[in-house]
């Protein structure tokens, strides 16, 4: 008898154990309660997967790279399908077939079959990454264009489950276009290329009209002007002032500065070393002659015979705070010039920029006012009928003094109904608890108690008030960056007047 069976026999024949609560008054079949490892039934591993794993132990594989082995095993398994349940979620950097367990491999190939049939389901992130690695290496596709289409479709769907794939996907798509030298037209709708196109428009202002210019400024700006109360009320004024000011500012930079305004806002064009398919398992199978793949005038990927380079504007590749500050300054100046009720804090721009915006905005408003002078035409032929109508109305309004005067009423109505309506609208912006909290802050009273009485937290109250008043003020009115909320001083008087605090 082996040691394992001897131990099992001793455990199962122990009277004390058999008489315990775990076993008393229970009936068991002849199936063993405790099994040896050899008695456990496991799913049989398909021969295809066995053969794939053996590729990692060939003499050639010992001196090849992991990327080579990935492509070798991927080509071997490119048509393989399976039917297996998804495993428990797991994480893995740079996943490959060799790193997966047998169960994970079978689950991956089962999931991949669904994806290839158009059923993109959420799975663990290593599955998504390895599927994209296969497409980058043209595994299981007919052509580079076919791989690109599948990569884009998969990214559009799966980014809804895991948004973190968007950043590498943007880079890999451009690398794929350049590496396989696909038509440049396929890059037209890529986010980075659309970004370049907006900047190119700002570099050549004579080639675009104000509609395109304003669209580019909005697309590049970190300031969300669509949420501004003033811009919502006067969109054409904001657009005209922004475009006029930007054109003048760009011209001034071109004439009197060493660098252009676009270089100041977005950085200079730099040609730097580039790692193709950075962060992916990829095997370079081609021997390239020197070439340059040009996306546009400010973006290209090239190979000089020994290394890859990428030429572009090296910045955040996102919304620009410099453009955002400019757009906010336009909003600020227009509010000042038009006497808009709610003002913004002083924008973070230079005096030169602020003066240009003031001058151009003032000129625009003056021109607009001149165009709005009303021309009055009098129809002399209608004067007779007007006189007759006035005589009839006058007769109806005349009353004898003997009829007495109307009795005085005890009810006193407001002299200004519009004022009452305005007060009702102002009060409706905030509920009673929020008004109490805001009043406590402005009057230096116990704001913690005001929040507690409402059953809420001070931070939540401040966020709610800021959200509700953003459309009116175009800015947050309560600053909660420190341990204590504080009403921004620029808006304190307006808040007192608005809510009668």
Protein backbone atom coordinates (compact mmCIF):
# COMPACT_ATOMS: atom_id res chain seq x y z
CA UNK A 1 0.00 0.00 0.00
CA UNK A 2 1.37 3.44 -0.94
CA UNK A 3 1.88 6.10 1.70
CA UNK A 4 -0.99 8.19 0.28
CA UNK A 5 -3.51 5.34 0.43
CA UNK A 6 -2.31 4.37 3.90
CA UNK A 7 -2.93 7.91 5.18
CA UNK A 8 -6.41 7.99 3.58
CA UNK A 9 -7.25 4.61 5.13
CA UNK A 10 -6.25 5.81 8.58
CA UNK A 11 -8.35 8.98 8.27
CA UNK A 12 -11.46 7.18 7.06
CA UNK A 13 -11.24 4.43 9.72
CA UNK A 14 -10.87 6.82 12.68
CA UNK A 15 -13.89 6.09 14.97
CA UNK A 16 -13.66 9.47 16.67
CA UNK A 17 -13.89 11.20 13.29
CA UNK A 18 -16.74 8.97 12.11
CA UNK A 19 -18.75 9.72 15.28
CA UNK A 20 -18.29 13.49 14.97
CA UNK A 21 -21.07 15.88 13.83
CA UNK A 22 -19.58 15.99 10.36
CA UNK A 23 -20.28 12.27 9.71
CA UNK A 24 -22.94 11.15 12.27
CA UNK A 25 -26.33 10.03 10.92
CA UNK A 26 -25.23 10.39 7.29
CA UNK A 27 -25.17 7.85 4.49
CA UNK A 28 -22.43 7.89 1.86
CA UNK A 29 -21.95 6.03 -1.37
CA UNK A 30 -18.79 4.21 -2.22
CA UNK A 31 -17.36 7.31 -3.91
CA UNK A 32 -14.26 8.37 -1.92
CA UNK A 33 -14.59 11.44 0.26
CA UNK A 34 -10.96 12.40 -0.23
CA UNK A 35 -9.25 11.79 -3.57
CA UNK A 36 -5.65 11.57 -4.62
CA UNK A 37 -4.37 13.86 -7.35
CA UNK A 38 -4.50 11.02 -9.88
CA UNK A 39 -8.20 10.44 -9.09
CA UNK A 40 -9.23 14.02 -9.91
CA UNK A 41 -10.87 14.34 -13.33
CA UNK A 42 -9.59 17.19 -15.46
CA UNK A 43 -10.73 18.37 -18.89
CA UNK A 44 -8.61 16.80 -21.55
CA UNK A 45 -6.28 19.33 -23.19
CA UNK A 46 -6.82 19.53 -26.96
CA UNK A 47 -3.91 18.17 -28.99
CA UNK A 48 -3.65 21.45 -30.92
CA UNK A 49 -2.78 23.33 -27.74
CA UNK A 50 -0.29 20.59 -26.75
CA UNK A 51 1.42 20.96 -30.11
CA UNK A 52 1.46 24.76 -29.77
CA UNK A 53 3.12 24.58 -26.35
CA UNK A 54 5.79 22.25 -27.73
CA UNK A 55 6.90 25.03 -30.10
CA UNK A 56 8.38 26.85 -27.09
CA UNK A 57 10.75 23.93 -26.44
CA UNK A 58 12.31 23.60 -29.87
CA UNK A 59 15.99 24.26 -30.35
CA UNK A 60 15.21 27.35 -32.47
CA UNK A 61 12.99 28.86 -29.77
CA UNK A 62 15.81 28.91 -27.21
CA UNK A 63 17.70 31.68 -28.98
CA UNK A 64 14.74 33.58 -30.48
CA UNK A 65 12.89 36.49 -28.88
CA UNK A 66 9.55 36.22 -27.08
CA UNK A 67 8.01 38.25 -29.93
CA UNK A 68 9.23 35.62 -32.42
CA UNK A 69 7.67 32.85 -30.33
CA UNK A 70 4.41 34.79 -30.04
CA UNK A 71 4.13 35.13 -33.81
CA UNK A 72 5.14 31.48 -34.34
CA UNK A 73 2.51 30.19 -31.93
CA UNK A 74 -0.04 32.75 -33.18
CA UNK A 75 0.31 31.61 -36.79
CA UNK A 76 0.00 28.00 -35.64
CA UNK A 77 -3.26 28.76 -33.77
CA UNK A 78 -4.71 31.38 -36.13
CA UNK A 79 -7.65 29.20 -37.22
CA UNK A 80 -8.24 27.43 -33.91
CA UNK A 81 -11.66 27.64 -32.20
CA UNK A 82 -12.69 26.35 -28.81
CA UNK A 83 -15.65 26.27 -26.45
CA UNK A 84 -14.67 26.97 -22.87
CA UNK A 85 -15.92 29.16 -20.01
CA UNK A 86 -14.20 32.44 -19.19
CA UNK A 87 -11.77 32.21 -16.27
CA UNK A 88 -11.71 34.33 -13.15
CA UNK A 89 -10.44 37.88 -13.90
CA UNK A 90 -6.65 38.18 -13.85
CA UNK A 91 -4.03 40.73 -14.82
CA UNK A 92 -0.84 40.31 -16.83
CA UNK A 93 1.54 42.69 -18.59
CA UNK A 94 2.51 41.88 -22.18
CA UNK A 95 0.40 38.67 -22.29
CA UNK A 96 1.44 35.88 -24.66
CA UNK A 97 0.26 32.31 -25.33
CA UNK A 98 3.21 30.91 -23.38
CA UNK A 99 2.22 32.85 -20.24
CA UNK A 100 -1.41 31.66 -20.14
CA UNK A 101 -2.48 28.53 -18.26
CA UNK A 102 -4.23 25.79 -20.23
CA UNK A 103 -7.63 26.95 -18.96
CA UNK A 104 -6.85 30.57 -19.80
CA UNK A 105 -5.71 29.59 -23.28
CA UNK A 106 -8.88 27.64 -24.01
CA UNK A 107 -11.01 30.49 -22.65
CA UNK A 108 -9.09 33.00 -24.80
CA UNK A 109 -9.59 31.05 -28.03
CA UNK A 110 -13.29 30.63 -27.20
CA UNK A 111 -13.65 34.38 -26.59
CA UNK A 112 -11.65 35.18 -29.76
CA UNK A 113 -14.05 33.06 -31.82
CA UNK A 114 -16.96 35.17 -30.59
CA UNK A 115 -15.08 38.41 -31.36
CA UNK A 116 -14.25 37.26 -34.88
CA UNK A 117 -17.94 36.53 -35.43
CA UNK A 118 -18.87 40.10 -34.41
CA UNK A 119 -19.81 39.35 -30.78
CA UNK A 120 -17.36 41.51 -28.82
CA UNK A 121 -17.85 40.64 -25.15
CA UNK A 122 -16.14 41.98 -22.06
CA UNK A 123 -13.33 39.80 -20.76
CA UNK A 124 -10.18 40.29 -18.72
CA UNK A 125 -7.85 42.96 -20.13
CA UNK A 126 -5.02 40.50 -21.09
CA UNK A 127 -7.41 38.87 -23.59
CA UNK A 128 -8.12 42.22 -25.25
CA UNK A 129 -4.43 43.14 -25.38
CA UNK A 130 -3.38 39.81 -26.88
CA UNK A 131 -6.09 40.02 -29.54
CA UNK A 132 -4.77 43.46 -30.54
CA UNK A 133 -1.20 42.07 -30.60
CA UNK A 134 -2.39 39.44 -33.08
CA UNK A 135 -3.84 42.12 -35.36
CA UNK A 136 -0.67 44.24 -35.19
CA UNK A 137 1.32 41.17 -36.29
CA UNK A 138 -1.27 40.35 -39.03
CA UNK A 139 -2.22 37.04 -37.38
CA UNK A 140 -5.51 35.67 -38.66
CA UNK A 141 -6.19 38.45 -41.21
CA UNK A 142 -6.02 38.73 -44.99
CA UNK A 143 -4.09 42.02 -45.31
CA UNK A 144 -2.84 45.03 -43.34
CA UNK A 145 -6.01 46.92 -44.33
CA UNK A 146 -8.13 44.04 -43.01
CA UNK A 147 -6.18 44.09 -39.74
CA UNK A 148 -6.66 47.85 -39.44
CA UNK A 149 -10.42 47.58 -39.95
CA UNK A 150 -10.68 44.85 -37.32
CA UNK A 151 -8.50 46.80 -34.88
CA UNK A 152 -10.63 49.92 -35.22
CA UNK A 153 -13.91 48.04 -34.85
CA UNK A 154 -12.66 46.15 -31.80
CA UNK A 155 -11.30 49.34 -30.22
CA UNK A 156 -14.55 51.25 -30.76
CA UNK A 157 -16.56 48.54 -29.02
CA UNK A 158 -14.18 47.34 -26.32
CA UNK A 159 -13.20 50.83 -25.17
CA UNK A 160 -16.70 50.96 -23.73
CA UNK A 161 -15.62 48.20 -21.33
CA UNK A 162 -12.00 49.31 -20.81
CA UNK A 163 -11.31 52.96 -21.77
CA UNK A 164 -7.63 52.45 -20.93
CA UNK A 165 -7.06 50.80 -24.32
CA UNK A 166 -7.74 54.08 -26.14
CA UNK A 167 -4.30 55.65 -25.62
CA UNK A 168 -2.17 52.74 -26.90
CA UNK A 169 -4.71 52.09 -29.65
CA UNK A 170 -4.29 55.66 -30.98
CA UNK A 171 -0.51 55.22 -31.17
CA UNK A 172 -0.59 51.71 -32.62
CA UNK A 173 -3.01 52.71 -35.37
CA UNK A 174 -0.66 55.41 -36.68
CA UNK A 175 2.33 53.05 -36.35
CA UNK A 176 0.42 50.41 -38.29
CA UNK A 177 -0.38 52.81 -41.11
CA UNK A 178 3.26 53.85 -41.40
CA UNK A 179 4.86 50.40 -40.89
CA UNK A 180 2.76 48.68 -43.53
CA UNK A 181 2.75 51.83 -45.73
CA UNK A 182 -1.00 51.94 -46.17
CA UNK A 183 -2.66 54.86 -48.01
CA UNK A 184 -2.48 58.09 -45.99
CA UNK A 185 -6.16 58.67 -46.65
CA UNK A 186 -6.91 55.91 -44.11
CA UNK A 187 -5.55 58.18 -41.36
CA UNK A 188 -7.90 61.11 -42.04
CA UNK A 189 -10.28 60.45 -39.13
CA UNK A 190 -7.71 59.42 -36.55
CA UNK A 191 -7.87 61.63 -33.39
CA UNK A 192 -4.22 62.73 -33.65
CA UNK A 193 -4.61 63.68 -37.30
CA UNK A 194 -7.81 65.64 -36.61
CA UNK A 195 -5.89 67.43 -33.86
CA UNK A 196 -3.09 68.28 -36.30
CA UNK A 197 -5.63 69.58 -38.80
CA UNK A 198 -7.09 72.05 -36.29
CA UNK A 199 -3.61 73.40 -35.51
CA UNK A 200 -2.77 73.67 -39.22
CA UNK A 201 -5.86 75.83 -39.64
CA UNK A 202 -4.60 78.20 -36.94
CA UNK A 203 -1.20 78.34 -38.64
CA UNK A 204 -2.71 79.63 -41.90
CA UNK A 205 -5.58 81.89 -40.91
CA UNK A 206 -5.96 83.29 -44.44
CA UNK A 207 -7.09 79.88 -45.68
CA UNK A 208 -10.06 79.50 -43.30
CA UNK A 209 -13.17 81.54 -42.53
CA UNK A 210 -14.46 82.46 -39.08
CA UNK A 211 -16.70 79.39 -38.88
CA UNK A 212 -13.74 77.03 -39.24
CA UNK A 213 -11.52 79.21 -37.04
CA UNK A 214 -14.03 79.26 -34.20
CA UNK A 215 -14.63 75.51 -34.52
CA UNK A 216 -10.87 74.91 -34.24
CA UNK A 217 -10.56 77.20 -31.23
CA UNK A 218 -13.45 75.44 -29.49
CA UNK A 219 -11.97 72.03 -30.30
CA UNK A 220 -8.55 72.95 -28.88
CA UNK A 221 -9.73 75.00 -25.89
CA UNK A 222 -9.75 73.71 -22.32
CA UNK A 223 -12.35 76.39 -21.47
CA UNK A 224 -15.85 75.00 -22.00
CA UNK A 225 -17.54 78.08 -23.36
CA UNK A 226 -20.72 76.12 -24.08
CA UNK A 227 -21.33 76.08 -20.32
CA UNK A 228 -20.97 79.85 -20.00
CA UNK A 229 -24.17 81.75 -19.32
CA UNK A 230 -23.02 84.74 -21.39
CA UNK A 231 -21.93 82.64 -24.38
CA UNK A 232 -25.21 80.74 -24.30
CA UNK A 233 -27.12 84.04 -24.38
CA UNK A 234 -24.90 85.81 -26.94
CA UNK A 235 -23.13 83.12 -29.03
CA UNK A 236 -22.61 85.29 -32.13
CA UNK A 237 -20.99 88.09 -30.13
CA UNK A 238 -18.60 85.64 -28.49
CA UNK A 239 -17.70 84.01 -31.79
CA UNK A 240 -17.07 87.32 -33.58
CA UNK A 241 -14.97 88.79 -30.76
CA UNK A 242 -12.91 85.60 -30.38
CA UNK A 243 -12.14 85.32 -34.10
CA UNK A 244 -11.28 89.02 -34.53
CA UNK A 245 -9.04 89.01 -31.47
CA UNK A 246 -7.25 85.80 -32.45
CA UNK A 247 -6.48 87.03 -35.96
CA UNK A 248 -5.02 90.30 -34.66
CA UNK A 249 -3.03 88.47 -31.98
CA UNK A 250 -1.60 86.00 -34.50
CA UNK A 251 -0.58 88.83 -36.83
CA UNK A 252 1.17 90.64 -33.97
CA UNK A 253 3.17 87.52 -33.10
CA UNK A 254 4.19 87.03 -36.72
CA UNK A 255 5.43 90.60 -37.02
CA UNK A 256 7.09 91.22 -33.67
CA UNK A 257 8.03 87.86 -32.09
CA UNK A 258 10.66 85.28 -32.93
CA UNK A 259 8.19 82.44 -32.52
CA UNK A 260 4.66 82.22 -33.91
CA UNK A 261 1.62 82.19 -31.69
CA UNK A 262 0.96 78.53 -32.55
CA UNK A 263 4.47 77.64 -31.37
CA UNK A 264 3.74 79.43 -28.11
CA UNK A 265 0.42 77.62 -27.67
CA UNK A 266 1.35 74.15 -28.97
CA UNK A 267 5.14 73.88 -28.95
CA UNK A 268 7.71 73.54 -31.74
CA UNK A 269 7.99 70.86 -34.38
CA UNK A 270 10.51 68.22 -33.21
CA UNK A 271 11.92 65.09 -34.88
CA UNK A 272 12.55 62.51 -32.14
CA UNK A 273 13.40 58.81 -31.86
CA UNK A 274 10.30 56.66 -31.98
CA UNK A 275 9.64 53.13 -30.78
CA UNK A 276 7.18 51.45 -33.10
CA UNK A 277 4.25 49.69 -31.40
CA UNK A 278 5.47 50.77 -27.99
CA UNK A 279 3.90 48.64 -25.24
CA UNK A 280 2.90 45.81 -27.59
CA UNK A 281 4.39 42.39 -28.37
CA UNK A 282 5.47 42.94 -31.98
CA UNK A 283 8.07 41.30 -34.20
CA UNK A 284 9.69 43.38 -36.91
CA UNK A 285 9.62 41.00 -39.87
CA UNK A 286 10.52 43.49 -42.60
CA UNK A 287 13.82 44.92 -43.78
CA UNK A 288 13.03 48.55 -44.53
CA UNK A 289 14.76 50.92 -46.87
CA UNK A 290 14.90 54.52 -45.63
CA UNK A 291 11.51 56.18 -46.12
CA UNK A 292 9.20 58.80 -44.63
CA UNK A 293 5.47 58.36 -44.12
CA UNK A 294 3.89 61.83 -44.11
CA UNK A 295 0.51 62.31 -42.43
CA UNK A 296 0.56 66.12 -42.94
CA UNK A 297 2.88 69.12 -42.78
CA UNK A 298 3.44 68.78 -39.01
CA UNK A 299 3.35 65.00 -38.51
CA UNK A 300 5.33 62.15 -40.05
CA UNK A 301 7.02 58.83 -39.17
CA UNK A 302 10.30 57.95 -40.86
CA UNK A 303 12.98 55.24 -40.95
CA UNK A 304 16.57 56.26 -41.71
CA UNK A 305 17.95 52.75 -42.19
CA UNK A 306 18.78 52.12 -38.55
CA UNK A 307 16.10 53.72 -36.37
CA UNK A 308 12.55 55.05 -36.42
CA UNK A 309 11.70 58.71 -35.85
CA UNK A 310 8.47 60.64 -35.42
CA UNK A 311 8.16 64.33 -36.26
CA UNK A 312 5.30 66.20 -34.59
CA UNK A 313 4.38 68.87 -32.05
CA UNK A 314 5.32 67.25 -28.77
CA UNK A 315 2.71 68.51 -26.35
CA UNK A 316 -0.16 66.96 -24.42
CA UNK A 317 -2.06 66.25 -27.67
CA UNK A 318 -5.19 67.36 -25.83
CA UNK A 319 -7.12 70.52 -25.09
CA UNK A 320 -4.79 73.49 -24.66
CA UNK A 321 -4.85 75.57 -21.48
CA UNK A 322 -3.33 78.47 -23.46
CA UNK A 323 -6.25 78.50 -25.89
CA UNK A 324 -8.58 77.99 -22.93
CA UNK A 325 -7.23 81.07 -21.15
CA UNK A 326 -7.63 83.11 -24.34
CA UNK A 327 -11.27 82.03 -24.78
CA UNK A 328 -12.03 82.73 -21.13
CA UNK A 329 -10.47 86.18 -21.50
CA UNK A 330 -12.84 86.91 -24.42
CA UNK A 331 -15.79 85.89 -22.24
CA UNK A 332 -14.46 88.06 -19.40
CA UNK A 333 -14.01 91.18 -21.57
CA UNK A 334 -17.42 90.89 -23.23
CA UNK A 335 -19.12 90.65 -19.85
CA UNK A 336 -17.30 93.79 -18.73
CA UNK A 337 -18.11 95.76 -21.88
CA UNK A 338 -21.78 94.79 -22.04
CA UNK A 339 -22.43 95.18 -18.31
CA UNK A 340 -23.46 91.56 -17.99
CA UNK A 341 -24.79 90.88 -14.53
CA UNK A 342 -22.42 88.04 -13.66
CA UNK A 343 -18.68 88.58 -14.00
CA UNK A 344 -15.73 86.20 -14.28
CA UNK A 345 -12.47 86.24 -12.36
CA UNK A 346 -9.48 87.88 -14.00
CA UNK A 347 -8.17 85.56 -16.77
CA UNK A 348 -4.59 84.29 -16.83
CA UNK A 349 -3.38 86.11 -19.94
CA UNK A 350 -0.80 88.82 -20.53
CA UNK A 351 -1.71 92.52 -20.63
CA UNK A 352 -0.94 92.58 -24.34
CA UNK A 353 -3.45 89.78 -25.03
CA UNK A 354 -6.06 91.38 -22.79
CA UNK A 355 -5.69 94.78 -24.49
CA UNK A 356 -6.06 93.27 -27.95
CA UNK A 357 -9.23 91.46 -26.86
CA UNK A 358 -10.63 94.67 -25.34
CA UNK A 359 -9.90 96.73 -28.45
CA UNK A 360 -11.33 94.21 -30.90
CA UNK A 361 -14.37 93.46 -28.77
CA UNK A 362 -15.14 97.19 -28.35
CA UNK A 363 -14.79 97.75 -32.09
CA UNK A 364 -17.10 94.83 -32.84
CA UNK A 365 -19.78 96.01 -30.39
CA UNK A 366 -19.63 99.55 -31.83
CA UNK A 367 -20.03 98.26 -35.38
CA UNK A 368 -22.90 96.05 -34.29
CA UNK A 369 -24.67 98.97 -32.60
CA UNK A 370 -24.30 101.14 -35.69
CA UNK A 371 -25.92 98.44 -37.84
CA UNK A 372 -28.82 98.11 -35.43
CA UNK A 373 -30.02 101.76 -35.76
CA UNK A 374 -33.69 101.43 -36.53
CA UNK A 375 -35.01 103.16 -39.66
CA UNK A 376 -38.51 104.56 -39.03
CA UNK A 377 -40.90 104.87 -42.02
CA UNK A 378 -44.18 106.80 -41.45
CA UNK A 379 -47.21 105.95 -43.59
CA UNK A 380 -48.88 109.37 -44.03
CA UNK A 381 -51.95 107.82 -45.64
CA UNK A 382 -52.79 106.09 -42.33
CA UNK A 383 -52.86 109.30 -40.24
CA UNK A 384 -56.58 109.89 -40.86
CA UNK A 385 -57.66 106.50 -39.54
CA UNK A 386 -55.36 106.92 -36.55
CA UNK A 387 -57.05 110.26 -35.62
CA UNK A 388 -60.54 108.71 -35.87
CA UNK A 389 -59.53 105.80 -33.68
CA UNK A 390 -58.05 108.12 -31.05
CA UNK A 391 -61.25 110.20 -30.91
CA UNK A 392 -63.36 107.09 -30.25
CA UNK A 393 -61.01 105.91 -27.48
CA UNK A 394 -61.01 109.37 -25.88
CA UNK A 395 -64.83 109.44 -25.73
CA UNK A 396 -64.92 106.06 -24.05
CA UNK A 397 -62.39 107.12 -21.44
CA UNK A 398 -64.24 110.29 -20.43
CA UNK A 399 -66.52 109.88 -17.37
CA UNK A 400 -68.71 112.35 -15.47
CA UNK A 401 -67.50 113.56 -12.14
CA UNK A 402 -70.90 112.71 -10.60
CA UNK A 403 -70.21 109.02 -10.96
CA UNK A 404 -67.66 109.39 -8.18
CA UNK A 405 -64.25 107.89 -7.89
CA UNK A 406 -63.46 104.25 -7.59
CA UNK A 407 -63.20 102.93 -4.08
CA UNK A 408 -59.73 102.52 -2.74
CA UNK A 409 -58.62 98.95 -2.53
CA UNK A 410 -56.85 97.47 0.47
CA UNK A 411 -54.61 95.42 -1.72
CA UNK A 412 -51.29 96.99 -2.66
CA UNK A 413 -49.71 95.52 -5.76
CA UNK A 414 -46.10 95.72 -6.76
CA UNK A 415 -45.12 98.66 -8.93
CA UNK A 416 -42.83 96.38 -10.88
CA UNK A 417 -44.24 92.94 -11.74
CA UNK A 418 -41.05 92.13 -13.61
CA UNK A 419 -39.13 92.57 -10.38
CA UNK A 420 -41.39 90.06 -8.59
CA UNK A 421 -40.91 87.59 -11.43
CA UNK A 422 -37.15 88.08 -11.31
CA UNK A 423 -37.11 87.41 -7.58
CA UNK A 424 -39.15 84.22 -8.05
CA UNK A 425 -36.75 83.01 -10.76
CA UNK A 426 -33.73 83.77 -8.61
CA UNK A 427 -35.17 81.93 -5.64
CA UNK A 428 -36.02 78.92 -7.79
CA UNK A 429 -32.36 78.46 -8.71
CA UNK A 430 -31.62 77.03 -5.26
CA UNK A 431 -33.76 75.15 -2.76
CA UNK A 432 -34.29 76.36 0.83
CA UNK A 433 -31.45 74.26 2.27
CA UNK A 434 -28.97 75.52 -0.31
CA UNK A 435 -30.04 79.12 0.26
CA UNK A 436 -29.49 78.66 4.01
CA UNK A 437 -26.05 77.18 3.43
CA UNK A 438 -25.07 79.97 1.00
CA UNK A 439 -26.33 82.65 3.41
CA UNK A 440 -24.32 81.13 6.25
CA UNK A 441 -21.15 81.29 4.16
CA UNK A 442 -21.71 84.88 3.05
CA UNK A 443 -22.66 86.11 6.56
CA UNK A 444 -19.87 84.16 8.30
CA UNK A 445 -22.38 82.08 10.22
CA UNK A 446 -22.35 78.38 11.16
CA UNK A 447 -22.25 76.80 7.70
CA UNK A 448 -21.60 73.34 9.15
CA UNK A 449 -24.90 73.50 11.04
CA UNK A 450 -26.70 74.70 7.92
CA UNK A 451 -25.42 71.66 6.02
CA UNK A 452 -26.20 69.33 8.93
CA UNK A 453 -29.75 70.65 9.24
CA UNK A 454 -30.32 69.81 5.58
CA UNK A 455 -29.06 66.26 6.10
CA UNK A 456 -26.20 66.72 3.64
CA UNK A 457 -22.44 67.28 3.67
CA UNK A 458 -20.86 70.74 3.13
CA UNK A 459 -18.89 69.53 0.10
CA UNK A 460 -22.02 68.15 -1.54
CA UNK A 461 -23.92 71.35 -0.82
CA UNK A 462 -21.13 73.44 -2.35
CA UNK A 463 -20.97 71.22 -5.46
CA UNK A 464 -24.73 71.40 -5.92
CA UNK A 465 -24.76 75.22 -5.64
CA UNK A 466 -21.83 75.55 -8.07
CA UNK A 467 -23.57 73.29 -10.61
CA UNK A 468 -26.87 75.17 -10.43
CA UNK A 469 -25.30 78.63 -10.70
CA UNK A 470 -22.69 77.81 -13.35
CA UNK A 471 -24.95 78.74 -16.27
CA UNK A 472 -25.62 82.13 -14.67
CA UNK A 473 -22.08 82.99 -13.55
CA UNK A 474 -19.98 80.93 -15.96
CA UNK A 475 -17.76 80.02 -13.02
CA UNK A 476 -17.84 78.33 -9.62
CA UNK A 477 -19.08 80.67 -6.89
CA UNK A 478 -17.89 78.59 -3.90
CA UNK A 479 -14.24 77.60 -3.58
CA UNK A 480 -13.72 74.37 -1.62
CA UNK A 481 -10.06 73.76 -2.42
CA UNK A 482 -9.11 74.20 1.27
CA UNK A 483 -10.62 72.67 4.40
CA UNK A 484 -13.33 75.32 4.51
CA UNK A 485 -15.74 76.45 1.77
CA UNK A 486 -15.49 80.10 0.83
CA UNK A 487 -17.62 82.28 -1.44
CA UNK A 488 -15.47 83.85 -4.17
CA UNK A 489 -15.26 87.53 -3.35
CA UNK A 490 -15.89 88.63 -6.95
CA UNK A 491 -19.42 87.21 -6.77
CA UNK A 492 -20.37 87.98 -3.16
CA UNK A 493 -22.22 91.25 -3.85
CA UNK A 494 -24.08 89.78 -6.80
CA UNK A 495 -25.14 86.75 -4.75
CA UNK A 496 -26.41 89.03 -1.96
CA UNK A 497 -28.47 91.01 -4.44
CA UNK A 498 -29.68 87.96 -6.35
CA UNK A 499 -30.94 86.04 -3.31
CA UNK A 500 -31.63 89.00 -0.94
CA UNK A 501 -29.05 87.73 1.56
